[in-house]
Amino acid sequence: MNEKDKDLLREEREEKHEGKGESGEKHEEHRKKKKKEEIPSDVKKELEEKEGTIKSLEERLLYLQADFENFKKIKAKEKADLLKYANEIIVRELLPVIDNLELALKHAESTEDYKGIHEGVKITLNEFMKVLEKAGVKPVEAVGRKFDPNFHEAFYQEEHEDMEPDTVVSEFQRGYLLNDRLIRPSRVGVSKKPEIQ
């Protein structure tokens, strides 16, 4: 039996009797060391190159993860700012309406001209409605229309001989749509047939 066969036989015995203690760990280290020594130099060189590639890829991955975390933080801040200042345009357009209302109040304090005040408030209301229209707000059509529970909220019923039942006859509070979505229903009075006595 030559030396190489003896070594193999010894290794097999060590594997069978290997325990969990210091001697088992030492044998394991010795085997790994021996295997490394047996690796040809060209394979060693290739392994070193692969290890270098793995290290550079790991570093790149860490940089990419850091970049992605920064990107997420930037996007979260942009989203928060967008939500915070989303109404800036409409608010800026409403400021002249507020100015006009303040002027109307000042004018009302110094005059008895109620007709002029009425006209001023009417003009301001029209201005206000134009700003809301630009923002996609439209009033719900109610009076004279068939009662629609999707857009109208019945406040009371009125007897009318000359009208179809369930027709909106009056409006107490106007309803509004925002980009065709109902944001407030119209509170209305609805017609009904007179009760026969």
N, C-alpha and C. Protein backbone atom coordinates (compact mmCIF):
# COMPACT_ATOMS: atom_id res chain seq x y z
N MET A 1 0.85 -1.18 0.00
CA MET A 1 0.00 0.00 0.00
C MET A 1 0.90 1.25 0.00
N ASN A 2 0.66 2.13 -0.99
CA ASN A 2 1.50 3.33 -1.07
C ASN A 2 1.00 4.43 -0.13
N GLU A 3 1.74 5.54 -0.08
CA GLU A 3 1.44 6.65 0.84
C GLU A 3 0.08 7.31 0.54
N LYS A 4 -0.22 7.45 -0.74
CA LYS A 4 -1.49 8.10 -1.13
C LYS A 4 -2.68 7.28 -0.65
N ASP A 5 -2.61 5.96 -0.82
CA ASP A 5 -3.70 5.09 -0.36
C ASP A 5 -3.84 5.14 1.15
N LYS A 6 -2.68 5.20 1.85
CA LYS A 6 -2.72 5.29 3.31
C LYS A 6 -3.43 6.57 3.75
N ASP A 7 -3.10 7.68 3.06
CA ASP A 7 -3.74 8.97 3.40
C ASP A 7 -5.25 8.91 3.20
N LEU A 8 -5.67 8.33 2.08
CA LEU A 8 -7.11 8.22 1.81
C LEU A 8 -7.81 7.37 2.87
N LEU A 9 -7.17 6.27 3.24
CA LEU A 9 -7.73 5.38 4.26
C LEU A 9 -7.85 6.13 5.60
N ARG A 10 -6.82 6.90 5.94
CA ARG A 10 -6.81 7.67 7.18
C ARG A 10 -7.95 8.71 7.16
N GLU A 11 -8.13 9.35 6.04
CA GLU A 11 -9.20 10.35 5.91
C GLU A 11 -10.57 9.72 6.08
N GLU A 12 -10.76 8.55 5.48
CA GLU A 12 -12.06 7.87 5.62
C GLU A 12 -12.34 7.53 7.08
N ARG A 13 -11.27 7.04 7.78
CA ARG A 13 -11.45 6.72 9.19
C ARG A 13 -11.78 7.96 10.00
N GLU A 14 -11.11 9.05 9.69
CA GLU A 14 -11.36 10.31 10.40
C GLU A 14 -12.80 10.77 10.19
N GLU A 15 -13.30 10.60 8.96
CA GLU A 15 -14.69 11.01 8.67
C GLU A 15 -15.68 10.17 9.46
N LYS A 16 -15.39 8.87 9.60
CA LYS A 16 -16.30 7.99 10.33
C LYS A 16 -16.30 8.29 11.82
N HIS A 17 -15.12 8.58 12.38
CA HIS A 17 -15.00 8.76 13.82
C HIS A 17 -15.00 10.23 14.24
N GLU A 18 -15.28 11.10 13.30
CA GLU A 18 -15.24 12.54 13.59
C GLU A 18 -16.31 12.88 14.60
N GLY A 19 -15.97 13.54 15.69
CA GLY A 19 -16.92 13.95 16.71
C GLY A 19 -17.08 15.45 16.69
N LYS A 20 -17.86 15.91 17.62
CA LYS A 20 -18.09 17.34 17.69
C LYS A 20 -17.12 17.92 18.70
N GLY A 21 -16.03 17.90 18.76
CA GLY A 21 -15.14 18.52 19.72
C GLY A 21 -14.02 19.21 18.98
N GLU A 22 -12.99 19.54 19.74
CA GLU A 22 -11.86 20.24 19.14
C GLU A 22 -11.15 19.35 18.13
N SER A 23 -11.02 18.07 18.45
CA SER A 23 -10.29 17.17 17.55
C SER A 23 -11.01 17.06 16.22
N GLY A 24 -12.35 17.02 16.23
CA GLY A 24 -13.12 16.95 14.99
C GLY A 24 -12.93 18.20 14.16
N GLU A 25 -12.92 19.37 14.81
CA GLU A 25 -12.73 20.64 14.10
C GLU A 25 -11.33 20.73 13.51
N LYS A 26 -10.33 20.26 14.28
CA LYS A 26 -8.94 20.28 13.78
C LYS A 26 -8.78 19.41 12.56
N HIS A 27 -9.39 18.23 12.61
CA HIS A 27 -9.32 17.32 11.45
C HIS A 27 -9.96 17.94 10.22
N GLU A 28 -11.08 18.60 10.45
CA GLU A 28 -11.80 19.24 9.33
C GLU A 28 -10.93 20.33 8.72
N GLU A 29 -10.30 21.16 9.56
CA GLU A 29 -9.41 22.22 9.06
C GLU A 29 -8.24 21.62 8.28
N HIS A 30 -7.70 20.55 8.84
CA HIS A 30 -6.56 19.88 8.19
C HIS A 30 -6.95 19.37 6.80
N ARG A 31 -8.16 18.77 6.71
CA ARG A 31 -8.62 18.25 5.42
C ARG A 31 -8.80 19.38 4.40
N LYS A 32 -9.41 20.50 4.84
CA LYS A 32 -9.61 21.64 3.93
C LYS A 32 -8.28 22.19 3.45
N LYS A 33 -7.33 22.29 4.40
CA LYS A 33 -6.00 22.80 4.05
C LYS A 33 -5.34 21.90 3.03
N LYS A 34 -5.48 20.61 3.25
CA LYS A 34 -4.86 19.64 2.35
C LYS A 34 -5.49 19.71 0.96
N LYS A 35 -6.83 19.88 0.92
CA LYS A 35 -7.52 19.97 -0.36
C LYS A 35 -7.09 21.22 -1.11
N LYS A 36 -6.90 22.34 -0.36
CA LYS A 36 -6.46 23.58 -1.01
C LYS A 36 -5.08 23.40 -1.64
N GLU A 37 -4.23 22.67 -0.91
CA GLU A 37 -2.88 22.44 -1.43
C GLU A 37 -2.91 21.60 -2.71
N GLU A 38 -3.90 20.71 -2.81
CA GLU A 38 -3.99 19.83 -3.97
C GLU A 38 -4.56 20.53 -5.20
N ILE A 39 -5.20 21.76 -5.03
CA ILE A 39 -5.82 22.47 -6.16
C ILE A 39 -4.73 22.99 -7.08
N PRO A 40 -4.86 22.72 -8.37
CA PRO A 40 -3.85 23.20 -9.33
C PRO A 40 -3.83 24.74 -9.38
N SER A 41 -2.72 25.32 -9.76
CA SER A 41 -2.54 26.77 -9.74
C SER A 41 -3.48 27.49 -10.71
N ASP A 42 -3.77 26.91 -11.88
CA ASP A 42 -4.67 27.57 -12.82
C ASP A 42 -6.10 27.64 -12.28
N VAL A 43 -6.50 26.59 -11.54
CA VAL A 43 -7.83 26.59 -10.92
C VAL A 43 -7.86 27.61 -9.78
N LYS A 44 -6.74 27.69 -9.00
CA LYS A 44 -6.64 28.67 -7.92
C LYS A 44 -6.80 30.08 -8.46
N LYS A 45 -6.11 30.33 -9.58
CA LYS A 45 -6.16 31.66 -10.20
C LYS A 45 -7.59 31.99 -10.63
N GLU A 46 -8.25 31.01 -11.23
CA GLU A 46 -9.63 31.21 -11.68
C GLU A 46 -10.56 31.46 -10.49
N LEU A 47 -10.35 30.72 -9.39
CA LEU A 47 -11.14 30.93 -8.18
C LEU A 47 -10.95 32.32 -7.62
N GLU A 48 -9.70 32.80 -7.60
CA GLU A 48 -9.41 34.14 -7.11
C GLU A 48 -10.10 35.20 -7.97
N GLU A 49 -10.09 34.99 -9.29
CA GLU A 49 -10.77 35.92 -10.20
C GLU A 49 -12.28 35.95 -9.92
N LYS A 50 -12.85 34.75 -9.73
CA LYS A 50 -14.29 34.66 -9.45
C LYS A 50 -14.63 35.33 -8.12
N GLU A 51 -13.78 35.13 -7.11
CA GLU A 51 -14.00 35.77 -5.82
C GLU A 51 -13.94 37.29 -5.95
N GLY A 52 -13.00 37.78 -6.76
CA GLY A 52 -12.90 39.22 -7.02
C GLY A 52 -14.15 39.74 -7.70
N THR A 53 -14.65 38.98 -8.69
CA THR A 53 -15.88 39.37 -9.39
C THR A 53 -17.06 39.41 -8.42
N ILE A 54 -17.14 38.40 -7.56
CA ILE A 54 -18.23 38.34 -6.57
C ILE A 54 -18.17 39.54 -5.64
N LYS A 55 -16.96 39.88 -5.17
CA LYS A 55 -16.80 41.04 -4.28
C LYS A 55 -17.24 42.32 -4.96
N SER A 56 -16.81 42.51 -6.22
CA SER A 56 -17.19 43.75 -6.93
C SER A 56 -18.70 43.80 -7.17
N LEU A 57 -19.32 42.63 -7.45
CA LEU A 57 -20.78 42.59 -7.63
C LEU A 57 -21.51 42.89 -6.32
N GLU A 58 -20.96 42.38 -5.21
CA GLU A 58 -21.56 42.66 -3.91
C GLU A 58 -21.51 44.16 -3.61
N GLU A 59 -20.35 44.78 -3.89
CA GLU A 59 -20.20 46.22 -3.67
C GLU A 59 -21.19 47.00 -4.53
N ARG A 60 -21.30 46.59 -5.79
CA ARG A 60 -22.23 47.25 -6.70
C ARG A 60 -23.67 47.13 -6.21
N LEU A 61 -24.00 45.94 -5.72
CA LEU A 61 -25.34 45.71 -5.19
C LEU A 61 -25.62 46.63 -3.99
N LEU A 62 -24.63 46.79 -3.12
CA LEU A 62 -24.79 47.68 -1.96
C LEU A 62 -25.02 49.11 -2.42
N TYR A 63 -24.25 49.58 -3.42
CA TYR A 63 -24.44 50.93 -3.96
C TYR A 63 -25.84 51.09 -4.56
N LEU A 64 -26.28 50.06 -5.31
CA LEU A 64 -27.61 50.11 -5.93
C LEU A 64 -28.71 50.16 -4.87
N GLN A 65 -28.53 49.39 -3.79
CA GLN A 65 -29.52 49.40 -2.71
C GLN A 65 -29.57 50.79 -2.06
N ALA A 66 -28.40 51.38 -1.84
CA ALA A 66 -28.36 52.73 -1.24
C ALA A 66 -29.01 53.74 -2.17
N ASP A 67 -28.72 53.65 -3.47
CA ASP A 67 -29.34 54.55 -4.45
C ASP A 67 -30.85 54.40 -4.45
N PHE A 68 -31.32 53.15 -4.39
CA PHE A 68 -32.76 52.90 -4.41
C PHE A 68 -33.43 53.47 -3.16
N GLU A 69 -32.78 53.31 -2.00
CA GLU A 69 -33.33 53.87 -0.76
C GLU A 69 -33.44 55.39 -0.87
N ASN A 70 -32.39 56.03 -1.42
CA ASN A 70 -32.42 57.49 -1.61
C ASN A 70 -33.54 57.89 -2.57
N PHE A 71 -33.71 57.12 -3.65
CA PHE A 71 -34.76 57.38 -4.62
C PHE A 71 -36.14 57.30 -3.96
N LYS A 72 -36.35 56.28 -3.12
CA LYS A 72 -37.62 56.12 -2.42
C LYS A 72 -37.89 57.31 -1.49
N LYS A 73 -36.85 57.77 -0.80
CA LYS A 73 -37.02 58.92 0.10
C LYS A 73 -37.39 60.18 -0.68
N ILE A 74 -36.71 60.39 -1.81
CA ILE A 74 -36.99 61.57 -2.65
C ILE A 74 -38.43 61.52 -3.16
N LYS A 75 -38.86 60.36 -3.66
CA LYS A 75 -40.22 60.21 -4.18
C LYS A 75 -41.27 60.42 -3.07
N ALA A 76 -40.99 59.91 -1.88
CA ALA A 76 -41.93 60.08 -0.76
C ALA A 76 -42.06 61.56 -0.40
N LYS A 77 -40.94 62.29 -0.42
CA LYS A 77 -40.97 63.73 -0.13
C LYS A 77 -41.74 64.48 -1.22
N GLU A 78 -41.50 64.11 -2.49
CA GLU A 78 -42.22 64.75 -3.61
C GLU A 78 -43.72 64.52 -3.48
N LYS A 79 -44.11 63.29 -3.11
CA LYS A 79 -45.53 62.97 -2.96
C LYS A 79 -46.15 63.78 -1.82
N ALA A 80 -45.42 63.87 -0.70
CA ALA A 80 -45.92 64.64 0.44
C ALA A 80 -46.08 66.12 0.06
N ASP A 81 -45.11 66.66 -0.67
CA ASP A 81 -45.20 68.06 -1.11
C ASP A 81 -46.36 68.26 -2.06
N LEU A 82 -46.55 67.29 -2.96
CA LEU A 82 -47.65 67.39 -3.93
C LEU A 82 -49.00 67.43 -3.21
N LEU A 83 -49.17 66.55 -2.22
CA LEU A 83 -50.42 66.53 -1.45
C LEU A 83 -50.58 67.81 -0.63
N LYS A 84 -49.47 68.29 -0.09
CA LYS A 84 -49.51 69.47 0.77
C LYS A 84 -49.89 70.73 -0.01
N TYR A 85 -49.40 70.84 -1.26
CA TYR A 85 -49.61 72.06 -2.04
C TYR A 85 -50.51 71.85 -3.26
N ALA A 86 -51.28 70.76 -3.27
CA ALA A 86 -52.12 70.44 -4.43
C ALA A 86 -53.17 71.52 -4.70
N ASN A 87 -53.65 72.17 -3.67
CA ASN A 87 -54.71 73.17 -3.83
C ASN A 87 -54.19 74.58 -4.06
N GLU A 88 -52.89 74.72 -4.23
CA GLU A 88 -52.29 76.05 -4.36
C GLU A 88 -52.90 76.86 -5.50
N ILE A 89 -53.11 76.25 -6.65
CA ILE A 89 -53.63 76.97 -7.82
C ILE A 89 -55.04 77.49 -7.54
N ILE A 90 -55.91 76.63 -7.03
CA ILE A 90 -57.29 77.07 -6.78
C ILE A 90 -57.35 78.13 -5.68
N VAL A 91 -56.50 77.99 -4.66
CA VAL A 91 -56.46 78.97 -3.59
C VAL A 91 -56.03 80.32 -4.14
N ARG A 92 -55.00 80.32 -5.00
CA ARG A 92 -54.51 81.56 -5.60
C ARG A 92 -55.61 82.24 -6.42
N GLU A 93 -56.42 81.43 -7.11
CA GLU A 93 -57.50 82.00 -7.92
C GLU A 93 -58.67 82.48 -7.07
N LEU A 94 -58.80 81.95 -5.85
CA LEU A 94 -59.88 82.38 -4.96
C LEU A 94 -59.55 83.67 -4.20
N LEU A 95 -58.28 84.01 -4.12
CA LEU A 95 -57.89 85.21 -3.37
C LEU A 95 -58.56 86.50 -3.89
N PRO A 96 -58.65 86.72 -5.21
CA PRO A 96 -59.37 87.92 -5.68
C PRO A 96 -60.85 87.91 -5.30
N VAL A 97 -61.45 86.71 -5.21
CA VAL A 97 -62.86 86.61 -4.79
C VAL A 97 -62.98 87.10 -3.35
N ILE A 98 -62.06 86.68 -2.50
CA ILE A 98 -62.05 87.12 -1.10
C ILE A 98 -61.88 88.64 -1.04
N ASP A 99 -60.94 89.16 -1.87
CA ASP A 99 -60.73 90.61 -1.91
C ASP A 99 -62.03 91.34 -2.23
N ASN A 100 -62.77 90.84 -3.23
CA ASN A 100 -64.03 91.47 -3.62
C ASN A 100 -65.08 91.41 -2.52
N LEU A 101 -65.14 90.29 -1.81
CA LEU A 101 -66.09 90.17 -0.70
C LEU A 101 -65.74 91.15 0.41
N GLU A 102 -64.45 91.31 0.69
CA GLU A 102 -64.03 92.26 1.71
C GLU A 102 -64.40 93.69 1.31
N LEU A 103 -64.19 94.02 0.01
CA LEU A 103 -64.57 95.35 -0.49
C LEU A 103 -66.08 95.57 -0.36
N ALA A 104 -66.87 94.53 -0.66
CA ALA A 104 -68.33 94.64 -0.56
C ALA A 104 -68.74 94.90 0.88
N LEU A 105 -68.09 94.23 1.84
CA LEU A 105 -68.40 94.46 3.26
C LEU A 105 -68.06 95.88 3.69
N LYS A 106 -66.90 96.37 3.24
CA LYS A 106 -66.51 97.76 3.56
C LYS A 106 -67.53 98.75 2.98
N HIS A 107 -67.93 98.48 1.75
CA HIS A 107 -68.90 99.36 1.08
C HIS A 107 -70.24 99.33 1.82
N ALA A 108 -70.63 98.14 2.30
CA ALA A 108 -71.90 97.99 3.01
C ALA A 108 -71.90 98.78 4.31
N GLU A 109 -70.75 98.93 4.97
CA GLU A 109 -70.66 99.68 6.22
C GLU A 109 -70.87 101.18 6.00
N SER A 110 -70.46 101.66 4.81
CA SER A 110 -70.48 103.11 4.58
C SER A 110 -71.65 103.60 3.73
N THR A 111 -72.60 102.73 3.37
CA THR A 111 -73.69 103.16 2.50
C THR A 111 -75.00 102.47 2.84
N GLU A 112 -76.07 103.07 2.36
CA GLU A 112 -77.41 102.49 2.51
C GLU A 112 -77.88 101.93 1.16
N ASP A 113 -76.97 101.88 0.19
CA ASP A 113 -77.29 101.46 -1.18
C ASP A 113 -77.31 99.92 -1.25
N TYR A 114 -78.44 99.33 -0.83
CA TYR A 114 -78.55 97.87 -0.79
C TYR A 114 -78.56 97.24 -2.17
N LYS A 115 -79.07 97.97 -3.14
CA LYS A 115 -79.10 97.45 -4.51
C LYS A 115 -77.67 97.30 -5.03
N GLY A 116 -76.81 98.26 -4.74
CA GLY A 116 -75.40 98.21 -5.15
C GLY A 116 -74.67 97.06 -4.47
N ILE A 117 -74.96 96.88 -3.18
CA ILE A 117 -74.34 95.77 -2.43
C ILE A 117 -74.78 94.44 -3.03
N HIS A 118 -76.08 94.33 -3.32
CA HIS A 118 -76.62 93.11 -3.93
C HIS A 118 -75.91 92.80 -5.24
N GLU A 119 -75.73 93.81 -6.07
CA GLU A 119 -75.05 93.62 -7.36
C GLU A 119 -73.59 93.19 -7.17
N GLY A 120 -72.92 93.83 -6.20
CA GLY A 120 -71.52 93.49 -5.92
C GLY A 120 -71.36 92.05 -5.46
N VAL A 121 -72.24 91.60 -4.58
CA VAL A 121 -72.18 90.22 -4.09
C VAL A 121 -72.49 89.25 -5.22
N LYS A 122 -73.44 89.61 -6.08
CA LYS A 122 -73.80 88.76 -7.23
C LYS A 122 -72.61 88.59 -8.17
N ILE A 123 -71.91 89.70 -8.46
CA ILE A 123 -70.73 89.65 -9.33
C ILE A 123 -69.65 88.77 -8.69
N THR A 124 -69.45 88.92 -7.38
CA THR A 124 -68.44 88.12 -6.65
C THR A 124 -68.79 86.64 -6.69
N LEU A 125 -70.07 86.32 -6.52
CA LEU A 125 -70.51 84.93 -6.59
C LEU A 125 -70.23 84.34 -7.97
N ASN A 126 -70.51 85.11 -9.03
CA ASN A 126 -70.22 84.64 -10.39
C ASN A 126 -68.72 84.38 -10.59
N GLU A 127 -67.90 85.28 -10.03
CA GLU A 127 -66.44 85.09 -10.09
C GLU A 127 -66.05 83.79 -9.41
N PHE A 128 -66.63 83.60 -8.23
CA PHE A 128 -66.36 82.42 -7.42
C PHE A 128 -66.72 81.14 -8.20
N MET A 129 -67.89 81.14 -8.84
CA MET A 129 -68.36 79.98 -9.60
C MET A 129 -67.43 79.69 -10.79
N LYS A 130 -66.90 80.74 -11.43
CA LYS A 130 -65.96 80.55 -12.55
C LYS A 130 -64.69 79.86 -12.09
N VAL A 131 -64.20 80.25 -10.91
CA VAL A 131 -62.99 79.61 -10.34
C VAL A 131 -63.27 78.14 -10.09
N LEU A 132 -64.43 77.85 -9.50
CA LEU A 132 -64.78 76.45 -9.22
C LEU A 132 -64.95 75.64 -10.50
N GLU A 133 -65.53 76.27 -11.53
CA GLU A 133 -65.69 75.59 -12.83
C GLU A 133 -64.35 75.17 -13.39
N LYS A 134 -63.35 76.07 -13.29
CA LYS A 134 -62.00 75.75 -13.77
C LYS A 134 -61.43 74.53 -13.04
N ALA A 135 -61.83 74.38 -11.76
CA ALA A 135 -61.34 73.26 -10.95
C ALA A 135 -62.17 72.00 -11.17
N GLY A 136 -63.17 72.04 -12.07
CA GLY A 136 -63.96 70.85 -12.38
C GLY A 136 -65.25 70.73 -11.58
N VAL A 137 -65.65 71.81 -10.88
CA VAL A 137 -66.87 71.79 -10.07
C VAL A 137 -68.04 72.31 -10.90
N LYS A 138 -69.16 71.54 -10.87
CA LYS A 138 -70.39 71.95 -11.57
C LYS A 138 -71.56 71.77 -10.63
N PRO A 139 -72.57 72.69 -10.70
CA PRO A 139 -73.76 72.49 -9.87
C PRO A 139 -74.63 71.36 -10.46
N VAL A 140 -75.34 70.67 -9.58
CA VAL A 140 -76.27 69.61 -9.99
C VAL A 140 -77.55 70.28 -10.46
N GLU A 141 -78.03 69.90 -11.62
CA GLU A 141 -79.31 70.42 -12.14
C GLU A 141 -80.43 69.77 -11.34
N ALA A 142 -81.35 70.59 -10.81
CA ALA A 142 -82.38 70.02 -9.96
C ALA A 142 -83.80 70.48 -10.33
N VAL A 143 -84.09 71.76 -10.17
CA VAL A 143 -85.48 72.26 -10.32
C VAL A 143 -86.01 71.96 -11.72
N GLY A 144 -87.23 71.35 -11.75
CA GLY A 144 -87.87 71.01 -13.01
C GLY A 144 -87.49 69.62 -13.53
N ARG A 145 -86.52 69.01 -12.90
CA ARG A 145 -86.07 67.67 -13.33
C ARG A 145 -86.76 66.58 -12.51
N LYS A 146 -86.72 65.37 -13.04
CA LYS A 146 -87.25 64.21 -12.33
C LYS A 146 -86.35 63.94 -11.12
N PHE A 147 -86.94 63.64 -9.97
CA PHE A 147 -86.17 63.35 -8.77
C PHE A 147 -85.26 62.14 -9.00
N ASP A 148 -83.98 62.30 -8.72
CA ASP A 148 -83.01 61.23 -8.89
C ASP A 148 -82.24 61.07 -7.58
N PRO A 149 -82.44 59.95 -6.86
CA PRO A 149 -81.77 59.78 -5.56
C PRO A 149 -80.24 59.74 -5.66
N ASN A 150 -79.72 59.57 -6.88
CA ASN A 150 -78.26 59.59 -7.05
C ASN A 150 -77.71 61.02 -6.95
N PHE A 151 -78.57 62.02 -7.18
CA PHE A 151 -78.12 63.42 -7.19
C PHE A 151 -78.92 64.33 -6.26
N HIS A 152 -80.12 63.87 -5.87
CA HIS A 152 -81.01 64.71 -5.07
C HIS A 152 -81.32 64.04 -3.73
N GLU A 153 -81.54 64.89 -2.73
CA GLU A 153 -81.96 64.41 -1.42
C GLU A 153 -83.29 65.09 -1.11
N ALA A 154 -84.35 64.30 -0.99
CA ALA A 154 -85.70 64.87 -0.78
C ALA A 154 -85.80 65.44 0.62
N PHE A 155 -86.17 66.72 0.68
CA PHE A 155 -86.31 67.43 1.95
C PHE A 155 -87.77 67.39 2.41
N TYR A 156 -88.66 67.53 1.46
CA TYR A 156 -90.09 67.42 1.75
C TYR A 156 -90.84 67.19 0.43
N GLN A 157 -92.16 66.87 0.53
CA GLN A 157 -93.01 66.68 -0.65
C GLN A 157 -94.11 67.74 -0.66
N GLU A 158 -94.46 68.18 -1.88
CA GLU A 158 -95.48 69.21 -2.06
C GLU A 158 -96.54 68.68 -3.02
N GLU A 159 -97.81 68.94 -2.74
CA GLU A 159 -98.86 68.52 -3.66
C GLU A 159 -98.95 69.49 -4.84
N HIS A 160 -98.93 68.91 -6.06
CA HIS A 160 -99.04 69.73 -7.28
C HIS A 160 -99.92 68.98 -8.28
N GLU A 161 -101.03 69.64 -8.70
CA GLU A 161 -101.92 69.02 -9.69
C GLU A 161 -101.33 69.12 -11.09
N ASP A 162 -100.62 70.21 -11.36
CA ASP A 162 -100.15 70.48 -12.71
C ASP A 162 -98.75 69.90 -13.01
N MET A 163 -98.20 69.10 -12.11
CA MET A 163 -96.85 68.53 -12.31
C MET A 163 -96.87 67.03 -12.17
N GLU A 164 -95.96 66.41 -12.88
CA GLU A 164 -95.77 64.96 -12.73
C GLU A 164 -95.27 64.68 -11.30
N PRO A 165 -95.71 63.58 -10.72
CA PRO A 165 -95.18 63.23 -9.40
C PRO A 165 -93.66 63.00 -9.47
N ASP A 166 -92.98 63.21 -8.37
CA ASP A 166 -91.53 63.04 -8.26
C ASP A 166 -90.74 64.00 -9.15
N THR A 167 -91.28 65.21 -9.32
CA THR A 167 -90.54 66.26 -10.02
C THR A 167 -89.99 67.22 -8.97
N VAL A 168 -88.75 67.66 -9.14
CA VAL A 168 -88.15 68.60 -8.19
C VAL A 168 -88.78 69.98 -8.41
N VAL A 169 -89.41 70.52 -7.35
CA VAL A 169 -90.11 71.80 -7.46
C VAL A 169 -89.33 72.94 -6.82
N SER A 170 -88.45 72.65 -5.87
CA SER A 170 -87.65 73.70 -5.24
C SER A 170 -86.32 73.12 -4.74
N GLU A 171 -85.38 74.04 -4.55
CA GLU A 171 -84.03 73.62 -4.12
C GLU A 171 -83.63 74.44 -2.90
N PHE A 172 -83.32 73.77 -1.80
CA PHE A 172 -82.91 74.45 -0.57
C PHE A 172 -81.40 74.60 -0.46
N GLN A 173 -80.73 73.61 -0.98
CA GLN A 173 -79.27 73.66 -0.97
C GLN A 173 -78.78 73.01 -2.25
N ARG A 174 -77.98 73.76 -3.00
CA ARG A 174 -77.51 73.28 -4.28
C ARG A 174 -76.49 72.15 -4.11
N GLY A 175 -76.59 71.15 -4.98
CA GLY A 175 -75.63 70.05 -4.98
C GLY A 175 -74.51 70.33 -5.97
N TYR A 176 -73.38 69.65 -5.80
CA TYR A 176 -72.23 69.88 -6.69
C TYR A 176 -71.56 68.59 -7.09
N LEU A 177 -71.01 68.63 -8.32
CA LEU A 177 -70.21 67.52 -8.86
C LEU A 177 -68.77 68.01 -9.00
N LEU A 178 -67.84 67.13 -8.71
CA LEU A 178 -66.42 67.43 -8.96
C LEU A 178 -65.93 66.42 -9.99
N ASN A 179 -65.63 66.93 -11.19
CA ASN A 179 -65.23 66.06 -12.30
C ASN A 179 -66.23 64.90 -12.48
N ASP A 180 -67.50 65.25 -12.49
CA ASP A 180 -68.63 64.33 -12.68
C ASP A 180 -68.85 63.34 -11.53
N ARG A 181 -68.19 63.55 -10.40
CA ARG A 181 -68.46 62.73 -9.21
C ARG A 181 -69.22 63.60 -8.21
N LEU A 182 -70.31 63.06 -7.68
CA LEU A 182 -71.13 63.82 -6.72
C LEU A 182 -70.35 64.06 -5.44
N ILE A 183 -70.23 65.34 -5.03
CA ILE A 183 -69.59 65.63 -3.76
C ILE A 183 -70.60 66.13 -2.72
N ARG A 184 -71.78 66.57 -3.22
CA ARG A 184 -72.87 66.93 -2.32
C ARG A 184 -74.18 66.88 -3.09
N PRO A 185 -75.19 66.15 -2.60
CA PRO A 185 -76.48 66.10 -3.31
C PRO A 185 -77.27 67.40 -3.08
N SER A 186 -78.18 67.69 -4.00
CA SER A 186 -79.08 68.84 -3.84
C SER A 186 -80.17 68.46 -2.85
N ARG A 187 -80.45 69.36 -1.91
CA ARG A 187 -81.58 69.15 -0.98
C ARG A 187 -82.79 69.82 -1.59
N VAL A 188 -83.80 69.02 -1.90
CA VAL A 188 -84.90 69.52 -2.74
C VAL A 188 -86.28 69.20 -2.17
N GLY A 189 -87.25 69.96 -2.70
CA GLY A 189 -88.67 69.66 -2.47
C GLY A 189 -89.19 68.94 -3.70
N VAL A 190 -90.01 67.91 -3.50
CA VAL A 190 -90.46 67.05 -4.60
C VAL A 190 -91.99 67.08 -4.67
N SER A 191 -92.50 67.06 -5.92
CA SER A 191 -93.96 67.09 -6.12
C SER A 191 -94.57 65.71 -5.89
N LYS A 192 -95.86 65.76 -5.49
CA LYS A 192 -96.64 64.51 -5.38
C LYS A 192 -98.07 64.83 -5.78
N LYS A 193 -98.81 63.80 -6.13
CA LYS A 193 -100.21 64.00 -6.54
C LYS A 193 -101.04 64.39 -5.31
N PRO A 194 -101.98 65.28 -5.50
CA PRO A 194 -102.84 65.65 -4.37
C PRO A 194 -103.64 64.44 -3.87
N GLU A 195 -103.81 64.38 -2.58
CA GLU A 195 -104.58 63.28 -2.00
C GLU A 195 -106.07 63.55 -2.23
N ILE A 196 -106.80 62.55 -2.67
CA ILE A 196 -108.23 62.69 -2.94
C ILE A 196 -108.99 62.61 -1.63
N GLN A 197 -109.84 63.62 -1.41
CA GLN A 197 -110.57 63.66 -0.14
C GLN A 197 -112.02 63.34 -0.34
